[in-house]
């Protein structure tokens, strides 16, 4: 699966593009099947670096890379996937658990 097609890249603000937004829009969601790890994207440099909300051992805002997501392997060798049914929504909604 192509994690980030060009058509999606065009819809994501560049890094620091939502820096002053009180409630940025999450544009896409990645997840690692069989684990509790999920990455919600709010910004992308168009090449490799994302910024967004990461839910793993503990939830936090931070940077993560496309290369990193492509190389992660979960249980049984499963790879990170993009949620094809995810619809953009405010970060506050994600944080509140109303996904």
PDB file of N, CA and C in Angstrom:
ATOM      1  N   UNK A   1       0.846  -1.190   0.000  1.00  0.00           N
ATOM      2  CA  UNK A   1       0.000   0.000   0.000  1.00  0.00           C
ATOM      3  C   UNK A   1       0.886   1.246   0.000  1.00  0.00           C
ATOM      4  N   UNK A   2       0.566   2.171  -0.871  1.00  0.00           N
ATOM      5  CA  UNK A   2       1.236   3.462  -0.890  1.00  0.00           C
ATOM      6  C   UNK A   2       0.694   4.265   0.286  1.00  0.00           C
ATOM      7  N   UNK A   3       1.557   4.621   1.230  1.00  0.00           N
ATOM      8  CA  UNK A   3       1.071   5.298   2.433  1.00  0.00           C
ATOM      9  C   UNK A   3       0.560   6.709   2.164  1.00  0.00           C
ATOM     10  N   UNK A   4       1.200   7.438   1.256  1.00  0.00           N
ATOM     11  CA  UNK A   4       0.820   8.836   1.058  1.00  0.00           C
ATOM     12  C   UNK A   4       0.821   9.194  -0.433  1.00  0.00           C
ATOM     13  N   UNK A   5      -0.280   8.961  -1.112  1.00  0.00           N
ATOM     14  CA  UNK A   5      -0.363   9.295  -2.540  1.00  0.00           C
ATOM     15  C   UNK A   5      -0.293  10.804  -2.771  1.00  0.00           C
ATOM     16  N   UNK A   6       0.138  11.190  -3.943  1.00  0.00           N
ATOM     17  CA  UNK A   6       0.266  12.618  -4.283  1.00  0.00           C
ATOM     18  C   UNK A   6      -1.033  13.384  -4.077  1.00  0.00           C
ATOM     19  N   UNK A   7      -2.144  12.751  -4.376  1.00  0.00           N
ATOM     20  CA  UNK A   7      -3.433  13.439  -4.214  1.00  0.00           C
ATOM     21  C   UNK A   7      -3.680  13.819  -2.758  1.00  0.00           C
ATOM     22  N   UNK A   8      -3.175  13.031  -1.829  1.00  0.00           N
ATOM     23  CA  UNK A   8      -3.318  13.333  -0.405  1.00  0.00           C
ATOM     24  C   UNK A   8      -2.291  14.365   0.045  1.00  0.00           C
ATOM     25  N   UNK A   9      -1.075  14.255  -0.467  1.00  0.00           N
ATOM     26  CA  UNK A   9      -0.012  15.212  -0.124  1.00  0.00           C
ATOM     27  C   UNK A   9      -0.481  16.642  -0.377  1.00  0.00           C
ATOM     28  N   UNK A  10      -1.174  16.851  -1.478  1.00  0.00           N
ATOM     29  CA  UNK A  10      -1.639  18.192  -1.863  1.00  0.00           C
ATOM     30  C   UNK A  10      -2.625  18.796  -0.865  1.00  0.00           C
ATOM     31  N   UNK A  11      -3.255  17.970  -0.041  1.00  0.00           N
ATOM     32  CA  UNK A  11      -4.264  18.469   0.905  1.00  0.00           C
ATOM     33  C   UNK A  11      -3.714  18.756   2.294  1.00  0.00           C
ATOM     34  N   UNK A  12      -2.456  18.367   2.550  1.00  0.00           N
ATOM     35  CA  UNK A  12      -1.875  18.508   3.892  1.00  0.00           C
ATOM     36  C   UNK A  12      -1.033  19.773   3.961  1.00  0.00           C
ATOM     37  N   UNK A  13      -1.280  20.640   4.952  1.00  0.00           N
ATOM     38  CA  UNK A  13      -0.463  21.846   5.107  1.00  0.00           C
ATOM     39  C   UNK A  13       1.013  21.503   5.328  1.00  0.00           C
ATOM     40  N   UNK A  14       1.884  22.402   4.913  1.00  0.00           N
ATOM     41  CA  UNK A  14       3.314  22.212   5.116  1.00  0.00           C
ATOM     42  C   UNK A  14       3.653  22.317   6.601  1.00  0.00           C
ATOM     43  N   UNK A  15       4.865  21.881   6.956  1.00  0.00           N
ATOM     44  CA  UNK A  15       5.292  21.989   8.349  1.00  0.00           C
ATOM     45  C   UNK A  15       5.163  23.433   8.823  1.00  0.00           C
ATOM     46  N   UNK A  16       4.684  23.603  10.009  1.00  0.00           N
ATOM     47  CA  UNK A  16       4.406  24.893  10.661  1.00  0.00           C
ATOM     48  C   UNK A  16       3.204  25.612  10.051  1.00  0.00           C
ATOM     49  N   UNK A  17       2.538  24.974   9.094  1.00  0.00           N
ATOM     50  CA  UNK A  17       1.395  25.581   8.437  1.00  0.00           C
ATOM     51  C   UNK A  17       0.173  25.732   9.331  1.00  0.00           C
ATOM     52  N   UNK A  18       0.106  24.967  10.408  1.00  0.00           N
ATOM     53  CA  UNK A  18      -1.031  25.076  11.340  1.00  0.00           C
ATOM     54  C   UNK A  18      -0.563  25.508  12.720  1.00  0.00           C
ATOM     55  N   UNK A  19       0.657  26.045  12.777  1.00  0.00           N
ATOM     56  CA  UNK A  19       1.280  26.394  14.060  1.00  0.00           C
ATOM     57  C   UNK A  19       0.408  27.287  14.938  1.00  0.00           C
ATOM     58  N   UNK A  20      -0.326  28.191  14.340  1.00  0.00           N
ATOM     59  CA  UNK A  20      -1.138  29.131  15.126  1.00  0.00           C
ATOM     60  C   UNK A  20      -2.609  28.743  15.191  1.00  0.00           C
ATOM     61  N   UNK A  21      -2.920  27.573  14.684  1.00  0.00           N
ATOM     62  CA  UNK A  21      -4.297  27.103  14.726  1.00  0.00           C
ATOM     63  C   UNK A  21      -4.590  26.511  16.103  1.00  0.00           C
ATOM     64  N   UNK A  22      -5.712  26.895  16.675  1.00  0.00           N
ATOM     65  CA  UNK A  22      -6.089  26.359  17.988  1.00  0.00           C
ATOM     66  C   UNK A  22      -6.552  24.910  17.885  1.00  0.00           C
ATOM     67  N   UNK A  23      -7.078  24.541  16.740  1.00  0.00           N
ATOM     68  CA  UNK A  23      -7.597  23.189  16.553  1.00  0.00           C
ATOM     69  C   UNK A  23      -7.379  22.754  15.104  1.00  0.00           C
ATOM     70  N   UNK A  24      -6.118  22.369  14.775  1.00  0.00           N
ATOM     71  CA  UNK A  24      -5.823  22.010  13.381  1.00  0.00           C
ATOM     72  C   UNK A  24      -6.609  20.790  12.919  1.00  0.00           C
ATOM     73  N   UNK A  25      -6.772  20.716  11.628  1.00  0.00           N
ATOM     74  CA  UNK A  25      -7.483  19.601  11.018  1.00  0.00           C
ATOM     75  C   UNK A  25      -6.515  18.431  10.820  1.00  0.00           C
ATOM     76  N   UNK A  26      -6.910  17.260  11.280  1.00  0.00           N
ATOM     77  CA  UNK A  26      -6.138  16.045  11.028  1.00  0.00           C
ATOM     78  C   UNK A  26      -6.525  15.572   9.639  1.00  0.00           C
ATOM     79  N   UNK A  27      -5.537  15.405   8.774  1.00  0.00           N
ATOM     80  CA  UNK A  27      -5.788  15.099   7.359  1.00  0.00           C
ATOM     81  C   UNK A  27      -5.780  13.619   7.023  1.00  0.00           C
ATOM     82  N   UNK A  28      -4.976  12.831   7.760  1.00  0.00           N
ATOM     83  CA  UNK A  28      -4.969  11.391   7.512  1.00  0.00           C
ATOM     84  C   UNK A  28      -4.506  10.645   8.755  1.00  0.00           C
ATOM     85  N   UNK A  29      -4.749   9.351   8.735  1.00  0.00           N
ATOM     86  CA  UNK A  29      -4.460   8.493   9.885  1.00  0.00           C
ATOM     87  C   UNK A  29      -3.715   7.252   9.404  1.00  0.00           C
ATOM     88  N   UNK A  30      -2.612   6.952  10.110  1.00  0.00           N
ATOM     89  CA  UNK A  30      -1.864   5.721   9.893  1.00  0.00           C
ATOM     90  C   UNK A  30      -1.994   4.875  11.152  1.00  0.00           C
ATOM     91  N   UNK A  31      -1.935   3.558  10.990  1.00  0.00           N
ATOM     92  CA  UNK A  31      -2.005   2.684  12.165  1.00  0.00           C
ATOM     93  C   UNK A  31      -1.195   1.419  11.905  1.00  0.00           C
ATOM     94  N   UNK A  32      -0.760   0.802  12.994  1.00  0.00           N
ATOM     95  CA  UNK A  32      -0.025  -0.453  12.912  1.00  0.00           C
ATOM     96  C   UNK A  32      -0.933  -1.563  13.427  1.00  0.00           C
ATOM     97  N   UNK A  33      -1.444  -2.418  12.534  1.00  0.00           N
ATOM     98  CA  UNK A  33      -2.372  -3.483  12.947  1.00  0.00           C
ATOM     99  C   UNK A  33      -1.781  -4.351  14.055  1.00  0.00           C
ATOM    100  N   UNK A  34      -2.644  -4.720  14.986  1.00  0.00           N
ATOM    101  CA  UNK A  34      -2.233  -5.594  16.070  1.00  0.00           C
ATOM    102  C   UNK A  34      -1.551  -4.890  17.221  1.00  0.00           C
ATOM    103  N   UNK A  35      -1.494  -3.559  17.144  1.00  0.00           N
ATOM    104  CA  UNK A  35      -0.881  -2.760  18.217  1.00  0.00           C
ATOM    105  C   UNK A  35      -1.807  -1.589  18.519  1.00  0.00           C
ATOM    106  N   UNK A  36      -1.445  -0.794  19.495  1.00  0.00           N
ATOM    107  CA  UNK A  36      -2.211   0.408  19.803  1.00  0.00           C
ATOM    108  C   UNK A  36      -1.624   1.659  19.173  1.00  0.00           C
ATOM    109  N   UNK A  37      -0.683   1.497  18.258  1.00  0.00           N
ATOM    110  CA  UNK A  37      -0.008   2.648  17.657  1.00  0.00           C
ATOM    111  C   UNK A  37      -0.821   3.235  16.502  1.00  0.00           C
ATOM    112  N   UNK A  38      -1.019   4.577  16.588  1.00  0.00           N
ATOM    113  CA  UNK A  38      -1.736   5.324  15.549  1.00  0.00           C
ATOM    114  C   UNK A  38      -1.069   6.683  15.380  1.00  0.00           C
ATOM    115  N   UNK A  39      -0.961   7.129  14.142  1.00  0.00           N
ATOM    116  CA  UNK A  39      -0.361   8.420  13.814  1.00  0.00           C
ATOM    117  C   UNK A  39      -1.399   9.257  13.067  1.00  0.00           C
ATOM    118  N   UNK A  40      -1.694  10.454  13.583  1.00  0.00           N
ATOM    119  CA  UNK A  40      -2.660  11.367  12.966  1.00  0.00           C
ATOM    120  C   UNK A  40      -1.890  12.559  12.410  1.00  0.00           C
ATOM    121  N   UNK A  41      -1.999  12.805  11.129  1.00  0.00           N
ATOM    122  CA  UNK A  41      -1.198  13.818  10.437  1.00  0.00           C
ATOM    123  C   UNK A  41      -1.920  15.160  10.348  1.00  0.00           C
ATOM    124  N   UNK A  42      -1.232  16.223  10.776  1.00  0.00           N
ATOM    125  CA  UNK A  42      -1.753  17.582  10.604  1.00  0.00           C
ATOM    126  C   UNK A  42      -0.888  18.393   9.631  1.00  0.00           C
ATOM    127  N   UNK A  43       0.405  18.018   9.491  1.00  0.00           N
ATOM    128  CA  UNK A  43       1.323  18.750   8.616  1.00  0.00           C
ATOM    129  C   UNK A  43       2.300  17.764   7.966  1.00  0.00           C
ATOM    130  N   UNK A  44       2.830  18.158   6.806  1.00  0.00           N
ATOM    131  CA  UNK A  44       3.776  17.301   6.080  1.00  0.00           C
ATOM    132  C   UNK A  44       4.707  18.184   5.265  1.00  0.00           C
ATOM    133  N   UNK A  45       5.989  17.872   5.274  1.00  0.00           N
ATOM    134  CA  UNK A  45       6.938  18.689   4.508  1.00  0.00           C
ATOM    135  C   UNK A  45       6.920  18.354   3.017  1.00  0.00           C
ATOM    136  N   UNK A  46       6.093  17.392   2.615  1.00  0.00           N
ATOM    137  CA  UNK A  46       5.982  17.018   1.210  1.00  0.00           C
ATOM    138  C   UNK A  46       7.008  16.000   0.779  1.00  0.00           C
ATOM    139  N   UNK A  47       7.914  15.662   1.681  1.00  0.00           N
ATOM    140  CA  UNK A  47       8.981  14.722   1.344  1.00  0.00           C
ATOM    141  C   UNK A  47       9.021  13.537   2.306  1.00  0.00           C
ATOM    142  N   UNK A  48       9.326  13.808   3.590  1.00  0.00           N
ATOM    143  CA  UNK A  48       9.491  12.710   4.540  1.00  0.00           C
ATOM    144  C   UNK A  48       8.951  13.004   5.946  1.00  0.00           C
ATOM    145  N   UNK A  49       8.930  14.255   6.369  1.00  0.00           N
ATOM    146  CA  UNK A  49       8.636  14.572   7.762  1.00  0.00           C
ATOM    147  C   UNK A  49       7.185  15.004   7.966  1.00  0.00           C
ATOM    148  N   UNK A  50       6.530  14.345   8.925  1.00  0.00           N
ATOM    149  CA  UNK A  50       5.172  14.680   9.334  1.00  0.00           C
ATOM    150  C   UNK A  50       5.191  15.341  10.710  1.00  0.00           C
ATOM    151  N   UNK A  51       4.117  16.059  11.009  1.00  0.00           N
ATOM    152  CA  UNK A  51       3.845  16.508  12.371  1.00  0.00           C
ATOM    153  C   UNK A  51       2.408  16.131  12.650  1.00  0.00           C
ATOM    154  N   UNK A  52       2.176  15.668  13.866  1.00  0.00           N
ATOM    155  CA  UNK A  52       0.811  15.302  14.213  1.00  0.00           C
ATOM    156  C   UNK A  52       0.721  14.702  15.597  1.00  0.00           C
ATOM    157  N   UNK A  53      -0.346  14.003  15.816  1.00  0.00           N
ATOM    158  CA  UNK A  53      -0.664  13.411  17.109  1.00  0.00           C
ATOM    159  C   UNK A  53      -0.389  11.919  17.029  1.00  0.00           C
ATOM    160  N   UNK A  54       0.454  11.447  17.920  1.00  0.00           N
ATOM    161  CA  UNK A  54       0.850  10.045  17.926  1.00  0.00           C
ATOM    162  C   UNK A  54       0.300   9.378  19.176  1.00  0.00           C
ATOM    163  N   UNK A  55      -0.408   8.289  18.982  1.00  0.00           N
ATOM    164  CA  UNK A  55      -0.922   7.503  20.102  1.00  0.00           C
ATOM    165  C   UNK A  55      -0.153   6.191  20.110  1.00  0.00           C
ATOM    166  N   UNK A  56       0.645   6.011  21.154  1.00  0.00           N
ATOM    167  CA  UNK A  56       1.444   4.791  21.293  1.00  0.00           C
ATOM    168  C   UNK A  56       1.491   4.423  22.758  1.00  0.00           C
ATOM    169  N   UNK A  57       2.691   4.390  23.312  1.00  0.00           N
ATOM    170  CA  UNK A  57       2.825   4.124  24.737  1.00  0.00           C
ATOM    171  C   UNK A  57       2.109   5.202  25.545  1.00  0.00           C
ATOM    172  N   UNK A  58       2.163   6.427  25.038  1.00  0.00           N
ATOM    173  CA  UNK A  58       1.396   7.542  25.596  1.00  0.00           C
ATOM    174  C   UNK A  58       1.163   8.535  24.467  1.00  0.00           C
ATOM    175  N   UNK A  59       0.031   9.233  24.467  1.00  0.00           N
ATOM    176  CA  UNK A  59      -0.280  10.158  23.366  1.00  0.00           C
ATOM    177  C   UNK A  59       0.550  11.441  23.459  1.00  0.00           C
ATOM    178  N   UNK A  60       1.009  11.934  22.304  1.00  0.00           N
ATOM    179  CA  UNK A  60       1.784  13.168  22.270  1.00  0.00           C
ATOM    180  C   UNK A  60       1.778  13.775  20.870  1.00  0.00           C
ATOM    181  N   UNK A  61       1.971  15.076  20.809  1.00  0.00           N
ATOM    182  CA  UNK A  61       2.185  15.763  19.540  1.00  0.00           C
ATOM    183  C   UNK A  61       3.661  15.666  19.220  1.00  0.00           C
ATOM    184  N   UNK A  62       3.990  15.422  17.950  1.00  0.00           N
ATOM    185  CA  UNK A  62       5.395  15.340  17.601  1.00  0.00           C
ATOM    186  C   UNK A  62       5.621  15.080  16.130  1.00  0.00           C
ATOM    187  N   UNK A  63       6.896  14.947  15.798  1.00  0.00           N
ATOM    188  CA  UNK A  63       7.324  14.693  14.426  1.00  0.00           C
ATOM    189  C   UNK A  63       7.557  13.203  14.226  1.00  0.00           C
ATOM    190  N   UNK A  64       7.287  12.726  13.022  1.00  0.00           N
ATOM    191  CA  UNK A  64       7.588  11.357  12.640  1.00  0.00           C
ATOM    192  C   UNK A  64       7.806  11.335  11.139  1.00  0.00           C
ATOM    193  N   UNK A  65       8.565  10.351  10.684  1.00  0.00           N
ATOM    194  CA  UNK A  65       8.933  10.360   9.268  1.00  0.00           C
ATOM    195  C   UNK A  65       8.234   9.253   8.488  1.00  0.00           C
ATOM    196  N   UNK A  66       8.041   9.517   7.216  1.00  0.00           N
ATOM    197  CA  UNK A  66       7.454   8.548   6.301  1.00  0.00           C
ATOM    198  C   UNK A  66       8.351   7.314   6.225  1.00  0.00           C
ATOM    199  N   UNK A  67       9.640   7.538   6.122  1.00  0.00           N
ATOM    200  CA  UNK A  67      10.592   6.428   6.055  1.00  0.00           C
ATOM    201  C   UNK A  67      10.467   5.536   7.284  1.00  0.00           C
ATOM    202  N   UNK A  68      10.307   6.163   8.445  1.00  0.00           N
ATOM    203  CA  UNK A  68      10.126   5.427   9.691  1.00  0.00           C
ATOM    204  C   UNK A  68       8.853   4.564   9.624  1.00  0.00           C
ATOM    205  N   UNK A  69       7.754   5.155   9.173  1.00  0.00           N
ATOM    206  CA  UNK A  69       6.498   4.414   9.068  1.00  0.00           C
ATOM    207  C   UNK A  69       6.615   3.250   8.085  1.00  0.00           C
ATOM    208  N   UNK A  70       7.328   3.469   7.001  1.00  0.00           N
ATOM    209  CA  UNK A  70       7.482   2.420   5.990  1.00  0.00           C
ATOM    210  C   UNK A  70       8.325   1.243   6.492  1.00  0.00           C
ATOM    211  N   UNK A  71       9.192   1.503   7.469  1.00  0.00           N
ATOM    212  CA  UNK A  71      10.096   0.465   7.961  1.00  0.00           C
ATOM    213  C   UNK A  71       9.625  -0.246   9.219  1.00  0.00           C
ATOM    214  N   UNK A  72       8.589   0.256   9.863  1.00  0.00           N
ATOM    215  CA  UNK A  72       8.090  -0.364  11.088  1.00  0.00           C
ATOM    216  C   UNK A  72       7.403  -1.684  10.764  1.00  0.00           C
ATOM    217  N   UNK A  73       7.644  -2.678  11.610  1.00  0.00           N
ATOM    218  CA  UNK A  73       6.969  -3.968  11.477  1.00  0.00           C
ATOM    219  C   UNK A  73       6.339  -4.309  12.816  1.00  0.00           C
ATOM    220  N   UNK A  74       5.108  -4.753  12.772  1.00  0.00           N
ATOM    221  CA  UNK A  74       4.389  -5.132  13.968  1.00  0.00           C
ATOM    222  C   UNK A  74       4.318  -6.637  14.102  1.00  0.00           C
ATOM    223  N   UNK A  75       3.356  -7.110  14.889  1.00  0.00           N
ATOM    224  CA  UNK A  75       3.179  -8.544  15.059  1.00  0.00           C
ATOM    225  C   UNK A  75       3.007  -9.249  13.704  1.00  0.00           C
ATOM    226  N   UNK A  76       3.641 -10.390  13.597  1.00  0.00           N
ATOM    227  CA  UNK A  76       3.571 -11.197  12.379  1.00  0.00           C
ATOM    228  C   UNK A  76       4.111 -10.471  11.150  1.00  0.00           C
ATOM    229  N   UNK A  77       4.941  -9.457  11.372  1.00  0.00           N
ATOM    230  CA  UNK A  77       5.544  -8.724  10.258  1.00  0.00           C
ATOM    231  C   UNK A  77       4.628  -7.730   9.576  1.00  0.00           C
ATOM    232  N   UNK A  78       3.491  -7.426  10.191  1.00  0.00           N
ATOM    233  CA  UNK A  78       2.539  -6.488   9.583  1.00  0.00           C
ATOM    234  C   UNK A  78       3.157  -5.098   9.476  1.00  0.00           C
ATOM    235  N   UNK A  79       2.729  -4.364   8.455  1.00  0.00           N
ATOM    236  CA  UNK A  79       3.247  -3.015   8.184  1.00  0.00           C
ATOM    237  C   UNK A  79       2.214  -1.952   8.550  1.00  0.00           C
ATOM    238  N   UNK A  80       2.699  -0.729   8.680  1.00  0.00           N
ATOM    239  CA  UNK A  80       1.813   0.408   8.913  1.00  0.00           C
ATOM    240  C   UNK A  80       0.903   0.577   7.701  1.00  0.00           C
ATOM    241  N   UNK A  81      -0.355   0.900   7.972  1.00  0.00           N
ATOM    242  CA  UNK A  81      -1.342   1.129   6.916  1.00  0.00           C
ATOM    243  C   UNK A  81      -1.971   2.511   7.085  1.00  0.00           C
ATOM    244  N   UNK A  82      -2.505   3.036   5.987  1.00  0.00           N
ATOM    245  CA  UNK A  82      -3.293   4.265   6.055  1.00  0.00           C
ATOM    246  C   UNK A  82      -4.755   3.868   6.143  1.00  0.00           C
ATOM    247  N   UNK A  83      -5.482   4.507   7.036  1.00  0.00           N
ATOM    248  CA  UNK A  83      -6.918   4.252   7.176  1.00  0.00           C
ATOM    249  C   UNK A  83      -7.618   4.874   5.969  1.00  0.00           C
ATOM    250  N   UNK A  84      -8.062   4.056   5.064  1.00  0.00           N
ATOM    251  CA  UNK A  84      -8.683   4.527   3.825  1.00  0.00           C
ATOM    252  C   UNK A  84     -10.057   5.135   4.057  1.00  0.00           C
ATOM    253  N   UNK A  85     -10.654   4.896   5.207  1.00  0.00           N
ATOM    254  CA  UNK A  85     -11.994   5.401   5.506  1.00  0.00           C
ATOM    255  C   UNK A  85     -11.977   6.606   6.442  1.00  0.00           C
ATOM    256  N   UNK A  86     -10.772   7.045   6.841  1.00  0.00           N
ATOM    257  CA  UNK A  86     -10.660   8.196   7.729  1.00  0.00           C
ATOM    258  C   UNK A  86     -11.062   9.465   6.993  1.00  0.00           C
ATOM    259  N   UNK A  87     -11.840  10.305   7.649  1.00  0.00           N
ATOM    260  CA  UNK A  87     -12.241  11.605   7.099  1.00  0.00           C
ATOM    261  C   UNK A  87     -11.613  12.709   7.939  1.00  0.00           C
ATOM    262  N   UNK A  88     -11.082  13.767   7.292  1.00  0.00           N
ATOM    263  CA  UNK A  88     -10.464  14.848   8.055  1.00  0.00           C
ATOM    264  C   UNK A  88     -11.398  15.372   9.143  1.00  0.00           C
ATOM    265  N   UNK A  89     -10.797  15.666  10.294  1.00  0.00           N
ATOM    266  CA  UNK A  89     -11.555  16.153  11.436  1.00  0.00           C
ATOM    267  C   UNK A  89     -10.636  16.923  12.371  1.00  0.00           C
ATOM    268  N   UNK A  90     -11.191  17.786  13.208  1.00  0.00           N
ATOM    269  CA  UNK A  90     -10.370  18.581  14.119  1.00  0.00           C
ATOM    270  C   UNK A  90      -9.595  17.701  15.112  1.00  0.00           C
ATOM    271  N   UNK A  91      -8.403  18.142  15.433  1.00  0.00           N
ATOM    272  CA  UNK A  91      -7.561  17.416  16.385  1.00  0.00           C
ATOM    273  C   UNK A  91      -8.263  17.237  17.733  1.00  0.00           C
ATOM    274  N   UNK A  92      -9.035  18.210  18.150  1.00  0.00           N
ATOM    275  CA  UNK A  92      -9.732  18.106  19.435  1.00  0.00           C
ATOM    276  C   UNK A  92     -10.648  16.892  19.464  1.00  0.00           C
ATOM    277  N   UNK A  93     -11.225  16.574  18.346  1.00  0.00           N
ATOM    278  CA  UNK A  93     -12.130  15.416  18.269  1.00  0.00           C
ATOM    279  C   UNK A  93     -11.343  14.117  18.422  1.00  0.00           C
ATOM    280  N   UNK A  94     -10.175  14.050  17.816  1.00  0.00           N
ATOM    281  CA  UNK A  94      -9.314  12.881  17.934  1.00  0.00           C
ATOM    282  C   UNK A  94      -8.882  12.708  19.394  1.00  0.00           C
ATOM    283  N   UNK A  95      -8.427  13.796  19.996  1.00  0.00           N
ATOM    284  CA  UNK A  95      -7.950  13.740  21.384  1.00  0.00           C
ATOM    285  C   UNK A  95      -9.064  13.362  22.361  1.00  0.00           C
ATOM    286  N   UNK A  96     -10.267  13.717  22.058  1.00  0.00           N
ATOM    287  CA  UNK A  96     -11.377  13.420  22.968  1.00  0.00           C
ATOM    288  C   UNK A  96     -11.884  11.981  22.825  1.00  0.00           C
ATOM    289  N   UNK A  97     -11.372  11.290  21.804  1.00  0.00           N
ATOM    290  CA  UNK A  97     -11.765   9.902  21.596  1.00  0.00           C
ATOM    291  C   UNK A  97     -13.032   9.731  20.770  1.00  0.00           C
ATOM    292  N   UNK A  98     -13.515  10.799  20.135  1.00  0.00           N
ATOM    293  CA  UNK A  98     -14.736  10.740  19.323  1.00  0.00           C
ATOM    294  C   UNK A  98     -14.442  10.410  17.866  1.00  0.00           C
ATOM    295  N   UNK A  99     -13.383   9.741  17.599  1.00  0.00           N
ATOM    296  CA  UNK A  99     -12.937   9.444  16.224  1.00  0.00           C
ATOM    297  C   UNK A  99     -14.029   8.749  15.498  1.00  0.00           C
TER     298      UNK A  99
END
